[in-house]
């Protein structure tokens, strides 16, 4: 199964430039070093959610790989079991 996204691992780094008014995060791949996403958060208490969102995005390649073995055991008819949910999540991630 070919993947078109930048391979992991991805990491979250704070954007701590002194001229930034908001709490921002940069999600980047480590090998090769590429910026995946730049997240800007306002100062109205959303910073806590923004950091959690950044960590979830950075975990995406690892989560995808962790789910792949479960998809092999999905049911013939889609249901709500863990294996079928894993297969659906993988399809969503891969745009299928």
PDB file of N, CA and C in Angstrom:
ATOM      1  N   UNK A   1       0.848  -1.165   0.000  1.00  0.00           N
ATOM      2  CA  UNK A   1       0.000   0.000   0.000  1.00  0.00           C
ATOM      3  C   UNK A   1       0.901   1.239   0.000  1.00  0.00           C
ATOM      4  N   UNK A   2       0.851   2.016  -1.057  1.00  0.00           N
ATOM      5  CA  UNK A   2       1.692   3.202  -1.193  1.00  0.00           C
ATOM      6  C   UNK A   2       1.151   4.334  -0.324  1.00  0.00           C
ATOM      7  N   UNK A   3       2.059   5.003   0.375  1.00  0.00           N
ATOM      8  CA  UNK A   3       1.659   6.173   1.147  1.00  0.00           C
ATOM      9  C   UNK A   3       2.241   7.404   0.477  1.00  0.00           C
ATOM     10  N   UNK A   4       1.467   8.470   0.468  1.00  0.00           N
ATOM     11  CA  UNK A   4       1.892   9.691  -0.197  1.00  0.00           C
ATOM     12  C   UNK A   4       2.252  10.787   0.796  1.00  0.00           C
ATOM     13  N   UNK A   5       2.116  10.507   2.075  1.00  0.00           N
ATOM     14  CA  UNK A   5       2.441  11.523   3.073  1.00  0.00           C
ATOM     15  C   UNK A   5       3.908  11.422   3.469  1.00  0.00           C
ATOM     16  N   UNK A   6       4.378  12.477   4.113  1.00  0.00           N
ATOM     17  CA  UNK A   6       5.757  12.498   4.595  1.00  0.00           C
ATOM     18  C   UNK A   6       5.895  11.474   5.716  1.00  0.00           C
ATOM     19  N   UNK A   7       6.877  10.589   5.628  1.00  0.00           N
ATOM     20  CA  UNK A   7       7.009   9.557   6.655  1.00  0.00           C
ATOM     21  C   UNK A   7       7.350  10.156   8.022  1.00  0.00           C
ATOM     22  N   UNK A   8       6.929   9.455   9.060  1.00  0.00           N
ATOM     23  CA  UNK A   8       7.239   9.863  10.432  1.00  0.00           C
ATOM     24  C   UNK A   8       8.641   9.465  10.794  1.00  0.00           C
ATOM     25  N   UNK A   9       9.083   9.753  11.964  1.00  0.00           N
ATOM     26  CA  UNK A   9       8.280  10.364  13.014  1.00  0.00           C
ATOM     27  C   UNK A   9       8.096  11.868  12.807  1.00  0.00           C
ATOM     28  N   UNK A  10       6.971  12.366  13.353  1.00  0.00           N
ATOM     29  CA  UNK A  10       6.687  13.791  13.358  1.00  0.00           C
ATOM     30  C   UNK A  10       6.817  14.282  14.799  1.00  0.00           C
ATOM     31  N   UNK A  11       7.232  15.512  14.970  1.00  0.00           N
ATOM     32  CA  UNK A  11       7.409  16.081  16.304  1.00  0.00           C
ATOM     33  C   UNK A  11       6.722  17.440  16.387  1.00  0.00           C
ATOM     34  N   UNK A  12       6.427  17.858  17.616  1.00  0.00           N
ATOM     35  CA  UNK A  12       5.825  19.168  17.867  1.00  0.00           C
ATOM     36  C   UNK A  12       6.875  20.040  18.525  1.00  0.00           C
ATOM     37  N   UNK A  13       7.063  21.207  17.972  1.00  0.00           N
ATOM     38  CA  UNK A  13       7.971  22.192  18.559  1.00  0.00           C
ATOM     39  C   UNK A  13       7.202  23.484  18.779  1.00  0.00           C
ATOM     40  N   UNK A  14       7.418  24.136  19.918  1.00  0.00           N
ATOM     41  CA  UNK A  14       6.781  25.439  20.100  1.00  0.00           C
ATOM     42  C   UNK A  14       7.439  26.468  19.188  1.00  0.00           C
ATOM     43  N   UNK A  15       6.642  27.374  18.685  1.00  0.00           N
ATOM     44  CA  UNK A  15       7.164  28.487  17.905  1.00  0.00           C
ATOM     45  C   UNK A  15       7.355  29.635  18.890  1.00  0.00           C
ATOM     46  N   UNK A  16       8.542  29.714  19.436  1.00  0.00           N
ATOM     47  CA  UNK A  16       8.781  30.669  20.513  1.00  0.00           C
ATOM     48  C   UNK A  16       9.510  31.928  20.049  1.00  0.00           C
ATOM     49  N   UNK A  17       9.238  32.329  18.817  1.00  0.00           N
ATOM     50  CA  UNK A  17       9.824  33.583  18.357  1.00  0.00           C
ATOM     51  C   UNK A  17       9.290  34.722  19.222  1.00  0.00           C
ATOM     52  N   UNK A  18      10.139  35.640  19.639  1.00  0.00           N
ATOM     53  CA  UNK A  18       9.713  36.683  20.566  1.00  0.00           C
ATOM     54  C   UNK A  18       8.668  37.640  20.000  1.00  0.00           C
ATOM     55  N   UNK A  19       8.572  37.764  18.693  1.00  0.00           N
ATOM     56  CA  UNK A  19       7.615  38.698  18.106  1.00  0.00           C
ATOM     57  C   UNK A  19       6.226  38.093  17.906  1.00  0.00           C
ATOM     58  N   UNK A  20       6.023  36.853  18.334  1.00  0.00           N
ATOM     59  CA  UNK A  20       4.732  36.193  18.153  1.00  0.00           C
ATOM     60  C   UNK A  20       3.825  36.503  19.352  1.00  0.00           C
ATOM     61  N   UNK A  21       2.617  36.985  19.067  1.00  0.00           N
ATOM     62  CA  UNK A  21       1.657  37.309  20.118  1.00  0.00           C
ATOM     63  C   UNK A  21       0.924  36.068  20.608  1.00  0.00           C
ATOM     64  N   UNK A  22       0.813  35.061  19.792  1.00  0.00           N
ATOM     65  CA  UNK A  22       0.024  33.890  20.132  1.00  0.00           C
ATOM     66  C   UNK A  22       0.930  32.702  20.382  1.00  0.00           C
ATOM     67  N   UNK A  23       0.351  31.679  20.945  1.00  0.00           N
ATOM     68  CA  UNK A  23       1.079  30.446  21.224  1.00  0.00           C
ATOM     69  C   UNK A  23       0.952  29.545  19.996  1.00  0.00           C
ATOM     70  N   UNK A  24       2.021  29.373  19.266  1.00  0.00           N
ATOM     71  CA  UNK A  24       2.001  28.616  18.019  1.00  0.00           C
ATOM     72  C   UNK A  24       2.814  27.338  18.157  1.00  0.00           C
ATOM     73  N   UNK A  25       2.508  26.373  17.319  1.00  0.00           N
ATOM     74  CA  UNK A  25       3.252  25.115  17.294  1.00  0.00           C
ATOM     75  C   UNK A  25       3.588  24.761  15.851  1.00  0.00           C
ATOM     76  N   UNK A  26       4.735  24.163  15.690  1.00  0.00           N
ATOM     77  CA  UNK A  26       5.183  23.693  14.389  1.00  0.00           C
ATOM     78  C   UNK A  26       5.282  22.176  14.462  1.00  0.00           C
ATOM     79  N   UNK A  27       4.617  21.497  13.547  1.00  0.00           N
ATOM     80  CA  UNK A  27       4.710  20.041  13.461  1.00  0.00           C
ATOM     81  C   UNK A  27       5.625  19.743  12.291  1.00  0.00           C
ATOM     82  N   UNK A  28       6.665  18.962  12.550  1.00  0.00           N
ATOM     83  CA  UNK A  28       7.624  18.701  11.483  1.00  0.00           C
ATOM     84  C   UNK A  28       8.035  17.233  11.484  1.00  0.00           C
ATOM     85  N   UNK A  29       8.471  16.795  10.321  1.00  0.00           N
ATOM     86  CA  UNK A  29       9.019  15.456  10.172  1.00  0.00           C
ATOM     87  C   UNK A  29      10.493  15.532  10.531  1.00  0.00           C
ATOM     88  N   UNK A  30      11.014  14.454  11.085  1.00  0.00           N
ATOM     89  CA  UNK A  30      12.416  14.482  11.485  1.00  0.00           C
ATOM     90  C   UNK A  30      13.362  14.035  10.373  1.00  0.00           C
ATOM     91  N   UNK A  31      12.939  13.090   9.539  1.00  0.00           N
ATOM     92  CA  UNK A  31      13.803  12.600   8.453  1.00  0.00           C
ATOM     93  C   UNK A  31      12.975  12.409   7.196  1.00  0.00           C
ATOM     94  N   UNK A  32      13.005  13.227   6.225  1.00  0.00           N
ATOM     95  CA  UNK A  32      13.780  14.459   6.142  1.00  0.00           C
ATOM     96  C   UNK A  32      13.105  15.544   6.965  1.00  0.00           C
ATOM     97  N   UNK A  33      13.869  16.537   7.364  1.00  0.00           N
ATOM     98  CA  UNK A  33      13.320  17.604   8.196  1.00  0.00           C
ATOM     99  C   UNK A  33      12.469  18.532   7.335  1.00  0.00           C
ATOM    100  N   UNK A  34      11.153  18.420   7.496  1.00  0.00           N
ATOM    101  CA  UNK A  34      10.197  19.223   6.743  1.00  0.00           C
ATOM    102  C   UNK A  34       9.099  19.711   7.677  1.00  0.00           C
ATOM    103  N   UNK A  35       8.617  20.913   7.457  1.00  0.00           N
ATOM    104  CA  UNK A  35       7.462  21.382   8.209  1.00  0.00           C
ATOM    105  C   UNK A  35       6.216  20.722   7.641  1.00  0.00           C
ATOM    106  N   UNK A  36       5.437  20.093   8.502  1.00  0.00           N
ATOM    107  CA  UNK A  36       4.194  19.447   8.111  1.00  0.00           C
ATOM    108  C   UNK A  36       3.036  20.419   8.278  1.00  0.00           C
ATOM    109  N   UNK A  37       3.048  21.127   9.395  1.00  0.00           N
ATOM    110  CA  UNK A  37       1.920  21.975   9.737  1.00  0.00           C
ATOM    111  C   UNK A  37       2.384  23.078  10.682  1.00  0.00           C
ATOM    112  N   UNK A  38       1.820  24.259  10.512  1.00  0.00           N
ATOM    113  CA  UNK A  38       2.043  25.372  11.426  1.00  0.00           C
ATOM    114  C   UNK A  38       0.697  25.694  12.049  1.00  0.00           C
ATOM    115  N   UNK A  39       0.615  25.615  13.360  1.00  0.00           N
ATOM    116  CA  UNK A  39      -0.647  25.858  14.054  1.00  0.00           C
ATOM    117  C   UNK A  39      -0.545  27.133  14.868  1.00  0.00           C
ATOM    118  N   UNK A  40      -1.501  28.020  14.664  1.00  0.00           N
ATOM    119  CA  UNK A  40      -1.558  29.276  15.394  1.00  0.00           C
ATOM    120  C   UNK A  40      -2.779  29.251  16.301  1.00  0.00           C
ATOM    121  N   UNK A  41      -2.598  29.612  17.559  1.00  0.00           N
ATOM    122  CA  UNK A  41      -3.669  29.576  18.549  1.00  0.00           C
ATOM    123  C   UNK A  41      -3.827  30.957  19.159  1.00  0.00           C
ATOM    124  N   UNK A  42      -5.057  31.357  19.406  1.00  0.00           N
ATOM    125  CA  UNK A  42      -5.267  32.667  20.018  1.00  0.00           C
ATOM    126  C   UNK A  42      -5.012  32.600  21.521  1.00  0.00           C
ATOM    127  N   UNK A  43      -5.023  33.712  22.156  1.00  0.00           N
ATOM    128  CA  UNK A  43      -4.701  33.791  23.570  1.00  0.00           C
ATOM    129  C   UNK A  43      -5.908  33.695  24.481  1.00  0.00           C
ATOM    130  N   UNK A  44      -7.029  33.173  24.016  1.00  0.00           N
ATOM    131  CA  UNK A  44      -8.251  33.111  24.810  1.00  0.00           C
ATOM    132  C   UNK A  44      -8.492  31.738  25.413  1.00  0.00           C
ATOM    133  N   UNK A  45      -7.467  31.097  25.914  1.00  0.00           N
ATOM    134  CA  UNK A  45      -7.632  29.808  26.558  1.00  0.00           C
ATOM    135  C   UNK A  45      -7.624  28.635  25.602  1.00  0.00           C
ATOM    136  N   UNK A  46      -7.451  28.886  24.326  1.00  0.00           N
ATOM    137  CA  UNK A  46      -7.461  27.796  23.346  1.00  0.00           C
ATOM    138  C   UNK A  46      -6.068  27.171  23.229  1.00  0.00           C
ATOM    139  N   UNK A  47      -5.066  27.778  23.803  1.00  0.00           N
ATOM    140  CA  UNK A  47      -3.699  27.262  23.697  1.00  0.00           C
ATOM    141  C   UNK A  47      -3.608  25.822  24.177  1.00  0.00           C
ATOM    142  N   UNK A  48      -4.304  25.511  25.273  1.00  0.00           N
ATOM    143  CA  UNK A  48      -4.288  24.160  25.813  1.00  0.00           C
ATOM    144  C   UNK A  48      -4.828  23.159  24.784  1.00  0.00           C
ATOM    145  N   UNK A  49      -5.915  23.504  24.105  1.00  0.00           N
ATOM    146  CA  UNK A  49      -6.458  22.630  23.073  1.00  0.00           C
ATOM    147  C   UNK A  49      -5.536  22.578  21.867  1.00  0.00           C
ATOM    148  N   UNK A  50      -4.957  23.713  21.521  1.00  0.00           N
ATOM    149  CA  UNK A  50      -4.064  23.760  20.369  1.00  0.00           C
ATOM    150  C   UNK A  50      -2.863  22.854  20.532  1.00  0.00           C
ATOM    151  N   UNK A  51      -2.282  22.838  21.710  1.00  0.00           N
ATOM    152  CA  UNK A  51      -1.130  21.969  21.947  1.00  0.00           C
ATOM    153  C   UNK A  51      -1.548  20.506  21.870  1.00  0.00           C
ATOM    154  N   UNK A  52      -2.705  20.170  22.423  1.00  0.00           N
ATOM    155  CA  UNK A  52      -3.204  18.793  22.347  1.00  0.00           C
ATOM    156  C   UNK A  52      -3.477  18.403  20.896  1.00  0.00           C
ATOM    157  N   UNK A  53      -4.050  19.317  20.105  1.00  0.00           N
ATOM    158  CA  UNK A  53      -4.283  19.047  18.686  1.00  0.00           C
ATOM    159  C   UNK A  53      -2.973  18.821  17.956  1.00  0.00           C
ATOM    160  N   UNK A  54      -1.974  19.627  18.272  1.00  0.00           N
ATOM    161  CA  UNK A  54      -0.664  19.475  17.627  1.00  0.00           C
ATOM    162  C   UNK A  54      -0.059  18.115  17.943  1.00  0.00           C
ATOM    163  N   UNK A  55      -0.166  17.669  19.192  1.00  0.00           N
ATOM    164  CA  UNK A  55       0.369  16.352  19.561  1.00  0.00           C
ATOM    165  C   UNK A  55      -0.362  15.232  18.832  1.00  0.00           C
ATOM    166  N   UNK A  56      -1.693  15.368  18.683  1.00  0.00           N
ATOM    167  CA  UNK A  56      -2.475  14.348  17.967  1.00  0.00           C
ATOM    168  C   UNK A  56      -2.061  14.281  16.501  1.00  0.00           C
ATOM    169  N   UNK A  57      -1.899  15.423  15.870  1.00  0.00           N
ATOM    170  CA  UNK A  57      -1.461  15.449  14.469  1.00  0.00           C
ATOM    171  C   UNK A  57      -0.080  14.822  14.340  1.00  0.00           C
ATOM    172  N   UNK A  58       0.824  15.156  15.245  1.00  0.00           N
ATOM    173  CA  UNK A  58       2.185  14.619  15.178  1.00  0.00           C
ATOM    174  C   UNK A  58       2.204  13.100  15.366  1.00  0.00           C
ATOM    175  N   UNK A  59       1.226  12.563  16.078  1.00  0.00           N
ATOM    176  CA  UNK A  59       1.165  11.117  16.310  1.00  0.00           C
ATOM    177  C   UNK A  59       0.546  10.357  15.142  1.00  0.00           C
ATOM    178  N   UNK A  60      -0.005  11.056  14.154  1.00  0.00           N
ATOM    179  CA  UNK A  60      -0.746  10.405  13.064  1.00  0.00           C
ATOM    180  C   UNK A  60       0.027   9.287  12.360  1.00  0.00           C
ATOM    181  N   UNK A  61       1.286   9.474  11.953  1.00  0.00           N
ATOM    182  CA  UNK A  61       1.976   8.357  11.280  1.00  0.00           C
ATOM    183  C   UNK A  61       2.123   7.130  12.180  1.00  0.00           C
ATOM    184  N   UNK A  62       2.388   7.351  13.474  1.00  0.00           N
ATOM    185  CA  UNK A  62       2.527   6.236  14.410  1.00  0.00           C
ATOM    186  C   UNK A  62       1.193   5.530  14.626  1.00  0.00           C
ATOM    187  N   UNK A  63       0.119   6.307  14.737  1.00  0.00           N
ATOM    188  CA  UNK A  63      -1.208   5.720  14.914  1.00  0.00           C
ATOM    189  C   UNK A  63      -1.610   4.890  13.699  1.00  0.00           C
ATOM    190  N   UNK A  64      -1.314   5.403  12.517  1.00  0.00           N
ATOM    191  CA  UNK A  64      -1.638   4.671  11.292  1.00  0.00           C
ATOM    192  C   UNK A  64      -0.919   3.326  11.260  1.00  0.00           C
ATOM    193  N   UNK A  65       0.352   3.331  11.567  1.00  0.00           N
ATOM    194  CA  UNK A  65       1.108   2.070  11.553  1.00  0.00           C
ATOM    195  C   UNK A  65       0.623   1.115  12.634  1.00  0.00           C
ATOM    196  N   UNK A  66       0.215   1.637  13.784  1.00  0.00           N
ATOM    197  CA  UNK A  66      -0.281   0.782  14.866  1.00  0.00           C
ATOM    198  C   UNK A  66      -1.603   0.127  14.495  1.00  0.00           C
ATOM    199  N   UNK A  67      -2.407   0.793  13.665  1.00  0.00           N
ATOM    200  CA  UNK A  67      -3.713   0.251  13.278  1.00  0.00           C
ATOM    201  C   UNK A  67      -3.635  -0.784  12.154  1.00  0.00           C
ATOM    202  N   UNK A  68      -2.627  -0.690  11.322  1.00  0.00           N
ATOM    203  CA  UNK A  68      -2.565  -1.557  10.128  1.00  0.00           C
ATOM    204  C   UNK A  68      -2.762  -3.049  10.421  1.00  0.00           C
ATOM    205  N   UNK A  69      -2.141  -3.640  11.448  1.00  0.00           N
ATOM    206  CA  UNK A  69      -2.343  -5.079  11.679  1.00  0.00           C
ATOM    207  C   UNK A  69      -3.794  -5.447  11.988  1.00  0.00           C
ATOM    208  N   UNK A  70      -4.535  -4.561  12.643  1.00  0.00           N
ATOM    209  CA  UNK A  70      -5.914  -4.856  12.994  1.00  0.00           C
ATOM    210  C   UNK A  70      -6.822  -4.888  11.772  1.00  0.00           C
ATOM    211  N   UNK A  71      -6.485  -4.123  10.759  1.00  0.00           N
ATOM    212  CA  UNK A  71      -7.313  -4.069   9.554  1.00  0.00           C
ATOM    213  C   UNK A  71      -7.328  -5.407   8.813  1.00  0.00           C
ATOM    214  N   UNK A  72      -6.290  -6.204   8.995  1.00  0.00           N
ATOM    215  CA  UNK A  72      -6.225  -7.506   8.339  1.00  0.00           C
ATOM    216  C   UNK A  72      -7.269  -8.480   8.876  1.00  0.00           C
ATOM    217  N   UNK A  73      -7.812  -8.192  10.048  1.00  0.00           N
ATOM    218  CA  UNK A  73      -8.781  -9.087  10.682  1.00  0.00           C
ATOM    219  C   UNK A  73     -10.178  -8.496  10.710  1.00  0.00           C
ATOM    220  N   UNK A  74     -10.458  -7.523   9.846  1.00  0.00           N
ATOM    221  CA  UNK A  74     -11.779  -6.909   9.805  1.00  0.00           C
ATOM    222  C   UNK A  74     -12.796  -7.911   9.263  1.00  0.00           C
ATOM    223  N   UNK A  75     -14.033  -7.692   9.615  1.00  0.00           N
ATOM    224  CA  UNK A  75     -15.135  -8.577   9.200  1.00  0.00           C
ATOM    225  C   UNK A  75     -15.435  -8.404   7.711  1.00  0.00           C
ATOM    226  N   UNK A  76     -16.119  -9.389   7.149  1.00  0.00           N
ATOM    227  CA  UNK A  76     -16.542  -9.280   5.748  1.00  0.00           C
ATOM    228  C   UNK A  76     -17.581  -8.176   5.581  1.00  0.00           C
ATOM    229  N   UNK A  77     -18.458  -8.053   6.562  1.00  0.00           N
ATOM    230  CA  UNK A  77     -19.464  -6.983   6.564  1.00  0.00           C
ATOM    231  C   UNK A  77     -19.017  -5.944   7.585  1.00  0.00           C
ATOM    232  N   UNK A  78     -18.939  -4.673   7.191  1.00  0.00           N
ATOM    233  CA  UNK A  78     -18.518  -3.648   8.168  1.00  0.00           C
ATOM    234  C   UNK A  78     -19.437  -3.621   9.387  1.00  0.00           C
ATOM    235  N   UNK A  79     -18.829  -3.539  10.545  1.00  0.00           N
ATOM    236  CA  UNK A  79     -19.572  -3.423  11.791  1.00  0.00           C
ATOM    237  C   UNK A  79     -18.826  -2.422  12.678  1.00  0.00           C
ATOM    238  N   UNK A  80     -19.102  -2.426  13.953  1.00  0.00           N
ATOM    239  CA  UNK A  80     -18.466  -1.464  14.849  1.00  0.00           C
ATOM    240  C   UNK A  80     -17.376  -2.113  15.701  1.00  0.00           C
ATOM    241  N   UNK A  81     -16.865  -3.265  15.276  1.00  0.00           N
ATOM    242  CA  UNK A  81     -15.801  -3.909  16.047  1.00  0.00           C
ATOM    243  C   UNK A  81     -14.502  -3.118  15.864  1.00  0.00           C
ATOM    244  N   UNK A  82     -13.541  -3.363  16.724  1.00  0.00           N
ATOM    245  CA  UNK A  82     -12.269  -2.636  16.670  1.00  0.00           C
ATOM    246  C   UNK A  82     -11.555  -2.814  15.333  1.00  0.00           C
ATOM    247  N   UNK A  83     -11.600  -3.995  14.793  1.00  0.00           N
ATOM    248  CA  UNK A  83     -10.906  -4.256  13.539  1.00  0.00           C
ATOM    249  C   UNK A  83     -11.533  -3.488  12.378  1.00  0.00           C
ATOM    250  N   UNK A  84     -12.860  -3.462  12.330  1.00  0.00           N
ATOM    251  CA  UNK A  84     -13.539  -2.717  11.260  1.00  0.00           C
ATOM    252  C   UNK A  84     -13.322  -1.217  11.426  1.00  0.00           C
ATOM    253  N   UNK A  85     -13.300  -0.749  12.664  1.00  0.00           N
ATOM    254  CA  UNK A  85     -13.027   0.667  12.904  1.00  0.00           C
ATOM    255  C   UNK A  85     -11.597   1.014  12.515  1.00  0.00           C
ATOM    256  N   UNK A  86     -10.663   0.088  12.733  1.00  0.00           N
ATOM    257  CA  UNK A  86      -9.274   0.316  12.310  1.00  0.00           C
ATOM    258  C   UNK A  86      -9.199   0.424  10.794  1.00  0.00           C
ATOM    259  N   UNK A  87      -9.879  -0.480  10.097  1.00  0.00           N
ATOM    260  CA  UNK A  87      -9.880  -0.445   8.633  1.00  0.00           C
ATOM    261  C   UNK A  87     -10.484   0.866   8.117  1.00  0.00           C
ATOM    262  N   UNK A  88     -11.576   1.320   8.740  1.00  0.00           N
ATOM    263  CA  UNK A  88     -12.217   2.576   8.318  1.00  0.00           C
ATOM    264  C   UNK A  88     -11.311   3.783   8.584  1.00  0.00           C
ATOM    265  N   UNK A  89     -10.623   3.779   9.710  1.00  0.00           N
ATOM    266  CA  UNK A  89      -9.713   4.886  10.031  1.00  0.00           C
ATOM    267  C   UNK A  89      -8.547   4.939   9.056  1.00  0.00           C
ATOM    268  N   UNK A  90      -8.023   3.781   8.690  1.00  0.00           N
ATOM    269  CA  UNK A  90      -6.929   3.728   7.714  1.00  0.00           C
ATOM    270  C   UNK A  90      -7.407   4.242   6.369  1.00  0.00           C
ATOM    271  N   UNK A  91      -8.582   3.818   5.934  1.00  0.00           N
ATOM    272  CA  UNK A  91      -9.127   4.282   4.663  1.00  0.00           C
ATOM    273  C   UNK A  91      -9.307   5.794   4.683  1.00  0.00           C
ATOM    274  N   UNK A  92      -9.778   6.338   5.778  1.00  0.00           N
ATOM    275  CA  UNK A  92      -9.956   7.785   5.909  1.00  0.00           C
ATOM    276  C   UNK A  92      -8.608   8.499   5.806  1.00  0.00           C
ATOM    277  N   UNK A  93      -7.605   7.984   6.487  1.00  0.00           N
ATOM    278  CA  UNK A  93      -6.274   8.586   6.468  1.00  0.00           C
ATOM    279  C   UNK A  93      -5.650   8.557   5.076  1.00  0.00           C
ATOM    280  N   UNK A  94      -5.941   7.497   4.329  1.00  0.00           N
ATOM    281  CA  UNK A  94      -5.338   7.343   3.006  1.00  0.00           C
ATOM    282  C   UNK A  94      -6.216   7.904   1.891  1.00  0.00           C
ATOM    283  N   UNK A  95      -7.371   8.481   2.248  1.00  0.00           N
ATOM    284  CA  UNK A  95      -8.256   9.084   1.248  1.00  0.00           C
ATOM    285  C   UNK A  95      -8.966   8.068   0.391  1.00  0.00           C
ATOM    286  N   UNK A  96      -9.293   6.914   0.946  1.00  0.00           N
ATOM    287  CA  UNK A  96      -9.961   5.847   0.185  1.00  0.00           C
ATOM    288  C   UNK A  96     -11.420   5.788   0.515  1.00  0.00           C
TER     289      UNK A  96
END
